[in-house]
N, C-alpha and C. Protein backbone atom coordinates (compact mmCIF):
# COMPACT_ATOMS: atom_id res chain seq x y z
N MET A 1 0.81 -1.19 0.00
CA MET A 1 0.00 0.00 -0.01
C MET A 1 0.85 1.25 0.00
N GLY A 2 2.09 1.19 0.48
CA GLY A 2 2.90 2.36 0.62
C GLY A 2 3.39 2.95 -0.69
N GLU A 3 2.87 2.52 -1.81
CA GLU A 3 3.31 3.01 -3.11
C GLU A 3 2.94 4.49 -3.24
N PRO A 4 3.94 5.38 -3.39
CA PRO A 4 3.71 6.81 -3.43
C PRO A 4 2.72 7.23 -4.53
N GLY A 5 2.81 6.64 -5.69
CA GLY A 5 1.87 7.01 -6.78
C GLY A 5 0.43 6.73 -6.42
N ARG A 6 0.22 5.58 -5.79
CA ARG A 6 -1.17 5.20 -5.41
C ARG A 6 -1.69 6.12 -4.31
N ILE A 7 -0.82 6.52 -3.36
CA ILE A 7 -1.26 7.39 -2.29
C ILE A 7 -1.59 8.79 -2.85
N ALA A 8 -0.79 9.29 -3.73
CA ALA A 8 -1.03 10.56 -4.36
C ALA A 8 -2.35 10.55 -5.15
N GLU A 9 -2.59 9.44 -5.81
CA GLU A 9 -3.82 9.21 -6.55
C GLU A 9 -5.01 9.26 -5.58
N MET A 10 -4.91 8.60 -4.44
CA MET A 10 -6.00 8.63 -3.43
C MET A 10 -6.27 10.07 -2.96
N LEU A 11 -5.22 10.79 -2.66
CA LEU A 11 -5.39 12.17 -2.17
C LEU A 11 -6.07 13.03 -3.21
N ALA A 12 -5.68 12.92 -4.47
CA ALA A 12 -6.29 13.72 -5.54
C ALA A 12 -7.74 13.35 -5.73
N ALA A 13 -8.05 12.06 -5.66
CA ALA A 13 -9.45 11.60 -5.88
C ALA A 13 -10.34 12.14 -4.73
N LEU A 14 -9.81 12.11 -3.52
CA LEU A 14 -10.60 12.61 -2.39
C LEU A 14 -10.87 14.11 -2.54
N GLU A 15 -9.88 14.88 -2.94
CA GLU A 15 -10.03 16.29 -3.14
C GLU A 15 -11.10 16.57 -4.23
N ASP A 16 -11.03 15.80 -5.33
CA ASP A 16 -12.01 15.99 -6.39
C ASP A 16 -13.44 15.70 -5.89
N ASP A 17 -13.59 14.63 -5.13
CA ASP A 17 -14.90 14.26 -4.56
C ASP A 17 -15.39 15.36 -3.65
N HIS A 18 -14.56 15.86 -2.77
CA HIS A 18 -14.98 16.88 -1.83
C HIS A 18 -15.41 18.15 -2.55
N GLU A 19 -14.70 18.48 -3.63
CA GLU A 19 -15.07 19.67 -4.41
C GLU A 19 -16.44 19.47 -5.05
N ARG A 20 -16.66 18.31 -5.62
CA ARG A 20 -17.97 17.98 -6.24
C ARG A 20 -19.10 18.02 -5.22
N LEU A 21 -18.89 17.47 -4.06
CA LEU A 21 -19.93 17.49 -3.01
C LEU A 21 -20.23 18.94 -2.60
N GLY A 22 -19.18 19.75 -2.49
CA GLY A 22 -19.37 21.15 -2.14
C GLY A 22 -20.19 21.90 -3.19
N GLU A 23 -19.91 21.61 -4.45
CA GLU A 23 -20.66 22.23 -5.54
C GLU A 23 -22.16 21.86 -5.48
N LEU A 24 -22.44 20.60 -5.17
CA LEU A 24 -23.82 20.14 -5.07
C LEU A 24 -24.52 20.80 -3.87
N GLY A 25 -23.79 20.91 -2.76
CA GLY A 25 -24.35 21.57 -1.60
C GLY A 25 -24.72 23.03 -1.92
N GLY A 26 -23.86 23.70 -2.66
CA GLY A 26 -24.12 25.07 -3.08
C GLY A 26 -25.32 25.18 -3.98
N ARG A 27 -25.51 24.25 -4.89
CA ARG A 27 -26.69 24.24 -5.76
C ARG A 27 -27.96 24.09 -4.94
N ILE A 28 -27.92 23.22 -3.94
CA ILE A 28 -29.11 23.03 -3.10
C ILE A 28 -29.43 24.33 -2.35
N LEU A 29 -28.43 24.93 -1.78
CA LEU A 29 -28.68 26.19 -1.03
C LEU A 29 -29.21 27.29 -1.93
N ARG A 30 -28.70 27.39 -3.14
CA ARG A 30 -29.21 28.41 -4.08
C ARG A 30 -30.66 28.12 -4.45
N ALA A 31 -30.97 26.82 -4.63
CA ALA A 31 -32.35 26.46 -4.99
C ALA A 31 -33.31 26.77 -3.84
N ILE A 32 -32.87 26.47 -2.62
CA ILE A 32 -33.67 26.79 -1.42
C ILE A 32 -33.87 28.32 -1.35
N GLY A 33 -32.81 29.08 -1.57
CA GLY A 33 -32.88 30.53 -1.53
C GLY A 33 -33.85 31.08 -2.56
N ALA A 34 -33.95 30.41 -3.70
CA ALA A 34 -34.86 30.82 -4.77
C ALA A 34 -36.27 30.20 -4.61
N ASN A 35 -36.44 29.43 -3.56
CA ASN A 35 -37.68 28.74 -3.30
C ASN A 35 -38.10 27.81 -4.46
N ASP A 36 -37.09 27.17 -5.06
CA ASP A 36 -37.30 26.28 -6.21
C ASP A 36 -37.24 24.85 -5.73
N VAL A 37 -38.40 24.29 -5.40
CA VAL A 37 -38.49 22.94 -4.84
C VAL A 37 -37.98 21.90 -5.83
N THR A 38 -38.32 22.07 -7.12
CA THR A 38 -37.91 21.12 -8.13
C THR A 38 -36.41 21.04 -8.25
N MET A 39 -35.77 22.18 -8.31
CA MET A 39 -34.30 22.25 -8.42
C MET A 39 -33.65 21.70 -7.17
N ALA A 40 -34.21 22.10 -6.01
CA ALA A 40 -33.65 21.62 -4.73
C ALA A 40 -33.76 20.10 -4.61
N SER A 41 -34.90 19.56 -4.99
CA SER A 41 -35.13 18.11 -4.93
C SER A 41 -34.16 17.38 -5.83
N GLY A 42 -34.01 17.88 -7.06
CA GLY A 42 -33.09 17.22 -8.03
C GLY A 42 -31.66 17.25 -7.53
N ALA A 43 -31.22 18.40 -7.03
CA ALA A 43 -29.87 18.55 -6.55
C ALA A 43 -29.63 17.71 -5.29
N LEU A 44 -30.67 17.59 -4.46
CA LEU A 44 -30.53 16.79 -3.22
C LEU A 44 -30.38 15.31 -3.58
N VAL A 45 -31.17 14.83 -4.53
CA VAL A 45 -31.02 13.44 -4.97
C VAL A 45 -29.64 13.22 -5.55
N GLU A 46 -29.17 14.15 -6.34
CA GLU A 46 -27.82 14.02 -6.92
C GLU A 46 -26.74 14.01 -5.81
N LEU A 47 -26.95 14.86 -4.77
CA LEU A 47 -26.01 14.89 -3.66
C LEU A 47 -26.04 13.56 -2.91
N GLN A 48 -27.22 13.01 -2.72
CA GLN A 48 -27.30 11.73 -2.02
C GLN A 48 -26.53 10.64 -2.77
N ARG A 49 -26.69 10.60 -4.09
CA ARG A 49 -25.99 9.59 -4.90
C ARG A 49 -24.48 9.83 -4.85
N ALA A 50 -24.07 11.05 -5.01
CA ALA A 50 -22.67 11.39 -5.00
C ALA A 50 -22.04 11.12 -3.62
N GLN A 51 -22.80 11.46 -2.58
CA GLN A 51 -22.34 11.23 -1.21
C GLN A 51 -22.15 9.71 -0.94
N ALA A 52 -23.14 8.93 -1.33
CA ALA A 52 -23.06 7.47 -1.13
C ALA A 52 -21.85 6.90 -1.84
N ALA A 53 -21.65 7.31 -3.11
CA ALA A 53 -20.48 6.82 -3.86
C ALA A 53 -19.18 7.25 -3.22
N HIS A 54 -19.13 8.50 -2.76
CA HIS A 54 -17.94 9.01 -2.10
C HIS A 54 -17.64 8.24 -0.83
N PHE A 55 -18.64 8.02 -0.02
CA PHE A 55 -18.43 7.30 1.23
C PHE A 55 -17.93 5.88 1.00
N ARG A 56 -18.53 5.19 0.03
CA ARG A 56 -18.04 3.81 -0.30
C ARG A 56 -16.59 3.87 -0.77
N PHE A 57 -16.28 4.81 -1.63
CA PHE A 57 -14.95 4.97 -2.17
C PHE A 57 -13.97 5.27 -1.07
N GLU A 58 -14.30 6.26 -0.23
CA GLU A 58 -13.41 6.69 0.84
C GLU A 58 -13.18 5.57 1.86
N GLU A 59 -14.25 4.87 2.22
CA GLU A 59 -14.08 3.77 3.16
C GLU A 59 -13.24 2.63 2.58
N GLY A 60 -13.34 2.43 1.26
CA GLY A 60 -12.52 1.42 0.60
C GLY A 60 -11.06 1.83 0.61
N LEU A 61 -10.79 3.10 0.37
CA LEU A 61 -9.41 3.62 0.45
C LEU A 61 -8.85 3.47 1.84
N MET A 62 -9.70 3.72 2.83
CA MET A 62 -9.26 3.61 4.21
C MET A 62 -8.87 2.15 4.53
N GLU A 63 -9.69 1.23 4.05
CA GLU A 63 -9.42 -0.18 4.24
C GLU A 63 -8.10 -0.55 3.54
N GLU A 64 -7.95 -0.14 2.30
CA GLU A 64 -6.74 -0.43 1.53
C GLU A 64 -5.51 0.15 2.20
N ALA A 65 -5.62 1.33 2.78
CA ALA A 65 -4.50 1.99 3.38
C ALA A 65 -4.21 1.52 4.83
N GLY A 66 -5.15 0.75 5.37
CA GLY A 66 -4.98 0.28 6.75
C GLY A 66 -5.20 1.43 7.78
N PHE A 67 -6.10 2.34 7.44
CA PHE A 67 -6.38 3.48 8.32
C PHE A 67 -7.05 3.03 9.60
N PRO A 68 -6.45 3.28 10.75
CA PRO A 68 -7.00 2.76 12.02
C PRO A 68 -8.32 3.39 12.43
N GLY A 69 -8.65 4.57 11.94
CA GLY A 69 -9.88 5.25 12.31
C GLY A 69 -11.06 4.97 11.38
N ARG A 70 -10.93 3.96 10.56
CA ARG A 70 -11.96 3.69 9.54
C ARG A 70 -13.34 3.49 10.15
N ASP A 71 -13.48 2.68 11.15
CA ASP A 71 -14.80 2.37 11.69
C ASP A 71 -15.50 3.60 12.26
N THR A 72 -14.75 4.43 13.01
CA THR A 72 -15.30 5.64 13.58
C THR A 72 -15.71 6.59 12.44
N HIS A 73 -14.87 6.67 11.44
CA HIS A 73 -15.13 7.52 10.28
C HIS A 73 -16.41 7.05 9.57
N ALA A 74 -16.53 5.75 9.40
CA ALA A 74 -17.72 5.20 8.73
C ALA A 74 -18.99 5.50 9.50
N GLN A 75 -18.89 5.51 10.85
CA GLN A 75 -20.05 5.85 11.68
C GLN A 75 -20.47 7.31 11.42
N SER A 76 -19.49 8.18 11.23
CA SER A 76 -19.80 9.57 10.93
C SER A 76 -20.50 9.67 9.57
N HIS A 77 -20.08 8.86 8.61
CA HIS A 77 -20.73 8.79 7.30
C HIS A 77 -22.17 8.38 7.47
N ASP A 78 -22.42 7.38 8.32
CA ASP A 78 -23.79 6.91 8.53
C ASP A 78 -24.69 8.01 9.10
N ARG A 79 -24.14 8.80 10.01
CA ARG A 79 -24.92 9.90 10.59
C ARG A 79 -25.24 10.95 9.54
N LEU A 80 -24.27 11.27 8.64
CA LEU A 80 -24.53 12.20 7.58
C LEU A 80 -25.57 11.70 6.59
N VAL A 81 -25.52 10.44 6.27
CA VAL A 81 -26.53 9.83 5.38
C VAL A 81 -27.91 9.94 6.01
N ALA A 82 -28.03 9.62 7.28
CA ALA A 82 -29.30 9.69 7.96
C ALA A 82 -29.86 11.10 7.96
N ALA A 83 -28.98 12.09 8.22
CA ALA A 83 -29.41 13.48 8.22
C ALA A 83 -29.90 13.90 6.85
N LEU A 84 -29.18 13.53 5.83
CA LEU A 84 -29.61 13.89 4.46
C LEU A 84 -30.89 13.20 4.05
N ASP A 85 -31.06 11.95 4.45
CA ASP A 85 -32.30 11.26 4.20
C ASP A 85 -33.48 11.97 4.85
N ALA A 86 -33.31 12.44 6.06
CA ALA A 86 -34.37 13.16 6.78
C ALA A 86 -34.69 14.46 6.08
N ILE A 87 -33.69 15.18 5.62
CA ILE A 87 -33.91 16.41 4.88
C ILE A 87 -34.66 16.17 3.61
N ASN A 88 -34.28 15.09 2.89
CA ASN A 88 -34.93 14.75 1.66
C ASN A 88 -36.40 14.43 1.88
N GLY A 89 -36.71 13.70 2.96
CA GLY A 89 -38.10 13.40 3.30
C GLY A 89 -38.88 14.66 3.63
N ALA A 90 -38.27 15.58 4.32
CA ALA A 90 -38.94 16.84 4.70
C ALA A 90 -39.14 17.70 3.47
N LEU A 91 -38.27 17.65 2.52
CA LEU A 91 -38.37 18.46 1.32
C LEU A 91 -39.66 18.15 0.56
N GLY A 92 -40.00 16.91 0.51
CA GLY A 92 -41.19 16.51 -0.20
C GLY A 92 -42.48 16.80 0.58
N ALA A 93 -42.33 17.08 1.87
CA ALA A 93 -43.49 17.23 2.76
C ALA A 93 -43.88 18.64 3.12
N GLY A 94 -43.03 19.60 2.86
CA GLY A 94 -43.34 20.93 3.35
C GLY A 94 -42.69 22.05 2.54
N PRO A 95 -42.85 23.25 3.00
CA PRO A 95 -42.26 24.43 2.30
C PRO A 95 -40.75 24.41 2.34
N VAL A 96 -40.16 24.80 1.26
CA VAL A 96 -38.73 24.80 1.15
C VAL A 96 -38.08 25.68 2.18
N SER A 97 -38.68 26.81 2.49
CA SER A 97 -38.07 27.75 3.41
C SER A 97 -37.81 27.15 4.78
N SER A 98 -38.66 26.20 5.19
CA SER A 98 -38.49 25.57 6.48
C SER A 98 -37.24 24.70 6.55
N LEU A 99 -36.69 24.36 5.41
CA LEU A 99 -35.53 23.46 5.39
C LEU A 99 -34.21 24.23 5.45
N SER A 100 -34.23 25.54 5.38
CA SER A 100 -33.01 26.32 5.34
C SER A 100 -32.11 26.00 6.53
N GLN A 101 -32.69 25.96 7.73
CA GLN A 101 -31.88 25.66 8.94
C GLN A 101 -31.35 24.24 8.92
N ASP A 102 -32.22 23.29 8.51
CA ASP A 102 -31.78 21.90 8.44
C ASP A 102 -30.64 21.72 7.46
N LEU A 103 -30.74 22.34 6.32
CA LEU A 103 -29.69 22.24 5.29
C LEU A 103 -28.45 22.96 5.77
N GLY A 104 -28.62 24.09 6.41
CA GLY A 104 -27.46 24.80 6.94
C GLY A 104 -26.71 23.95 7.97
N ASP A 105 -27.50 23.30 8.86
CA ASP A 105 -26.87 22.38 9.84
C ASP A 105 -26.18 21.22 9.18
N PHE A 106 -26.83 20.65 8.15
CA PHE A 106 -26.22 19.50 7.46
C PHE A 106 -24.92 19.94 6.79
N ILE A 107 -24.92 21.05 6.07
CA ILE A 107 -23.71 21.51 5.40
C ILE A 107 -22.62 21.83 6.39
N GLU A 108 -23.01 22.42 7.53
CA GLU A 108 -22.02 22.69 8.57
C GLU A 108 -21.41 21.38 9.10
N ALA A 109 -22.26 20.38 9.33
CA ALA A 109 -21.78 19.04 9.79
C ALA A 109 -20.88 18.40 8.75
N SER A 110 -21.22 18.54 7.48
CA SER A 110 -20.43 17.97 6.41
C SER A 110 -19.07 18.65 6.32
N LEU A 111 -19.06 20.00 6.42
CA LEU A 111 -17.78 20.70 6.37
C LEU A 111 -16.93 20.34 7.57
N LYS A 112 -17.53 20.19 8.74
CA LYS A 112 -16.79 19.79 9.92
C LYS A 112 -16.19 18.39 9.71
N HIS A 113 -16.98 17.50 9.13
CA HIS A 113 -16.51 16.14 8.85
C HIS A 113 -15.29 16.19 7.94
N ILE A 114 -15.35 17.01 6.89
CA ILE A 114 -14.24 17.10 5.96
C ILE A 114 -13.01 17.72 6.66
N SER A 115 -13.21 18.80 7.39
CA SER A 115 -12.07 19.49 7.98
C SER A 115 -11.46 18.76 9.14
N GLU A 116 -12.22 17.91 9.81
CA GLU A 116 -11.66 17.19 10.93
C GLU A 116 -11.37 15.72 10.61
N LEU A 117 -12.39 14.95 10.32
CA LEU A 117 -12.18 13.52 10.11
C LEU A 117 -11.47 13.18 8.81
N ASP A 118 -11.86 13.84 7.71
CA ASP A 118 -11.18 13.56 6.46
C ASP A 118 -9.76 14.09 6.51
N GLU A 119 -9.52 15.17 7.24
CA GLU A 119 -8.18 15.68 7.38
C GLU A 119 -7.28 14.68 8.11
N ASN A 120 -7.84 13.94 9.06
CA ASN A 120 -7.08 12.90 9.74
C ASN A 120 -6.64 11.83 8.74
N PHE A 121 -7.53 11.44 7.82
CA PHE A 121 -7.17 10.42 6.86
C PHE A 121 -6.14 10.98 5.84
N ARG A 122 -6.31 12.25 5.43
CA ARG A 122 -5.30 12.85 4.53
C ARG A 122 -3.93 12.89 5.21
N GLY A 123 -3.94 13.23 6.50
CA GLY A 123 -2.66 13.23 7.22
C GLY A 123 -2.04 11.86 7.29
N PHE A 124 -2.87 10.85 7.53
CA PHE A 124 -2.39 9.47 7.56
C PHE A 124 -1.77 9.09 6.22
N LEU A 125 -2.44 9.44 5.10
CA LEU A 125 -1.89 9.11 3.76
C LEU A 125 -0.59 9.92 3.52
N ASN A 126 -0.57 11.15 3.91
CA ASN A 126 0.66 11.93 3.75
C ASN A 126 1.82 11.34 4.58
N ASP A 127 1.49 10.84 5.76
CA ASP A 127 2.55 10.19 6.58
C ASP A 127 3.09 8.99 5.87
N LEU A 128 2.23 8.24 5.17
CA LEU A 128 2.69 7.06 4.42
C LEU A 128 3.61 7.48 3.27
N LEU A 129 3.39 8.68 2.75
CA LEU A 129 4.29 9.16 1.68
C LEU A 129 5.67 9.48 2.21
N GLY A 130 5.71 9.80 3.52
CA GLY A 130 6.99 10.06 4.14
C GLY A 130 7.39 11.45 4.18
């Protein structure tokens, strides 16, 4: 696993995924701000798919790299998935404006996850590079 090319590849792929997830989060917030339920719903479904793929990918990389915090990290992923599922359910049931706080909280939790937990994994991979 300690192959530098593979580790650099992992780091780049994670950065690309995080950027894509951030773009989708921004689209959802803009749609909520415009009170556009259709756009918000579509972007939210796209975010759920992208998030699920990212989490599977990231957890696979953690396994491959022997990351000792994988299980705790995966539990954080499970909490984020549950929160996004709840927001998606609420989006179909009520006014978009009522979701602004829920989405804000979700995006805040996602950013915290990236800046803290994902940063730990990046640090672990960088340590493997030496």
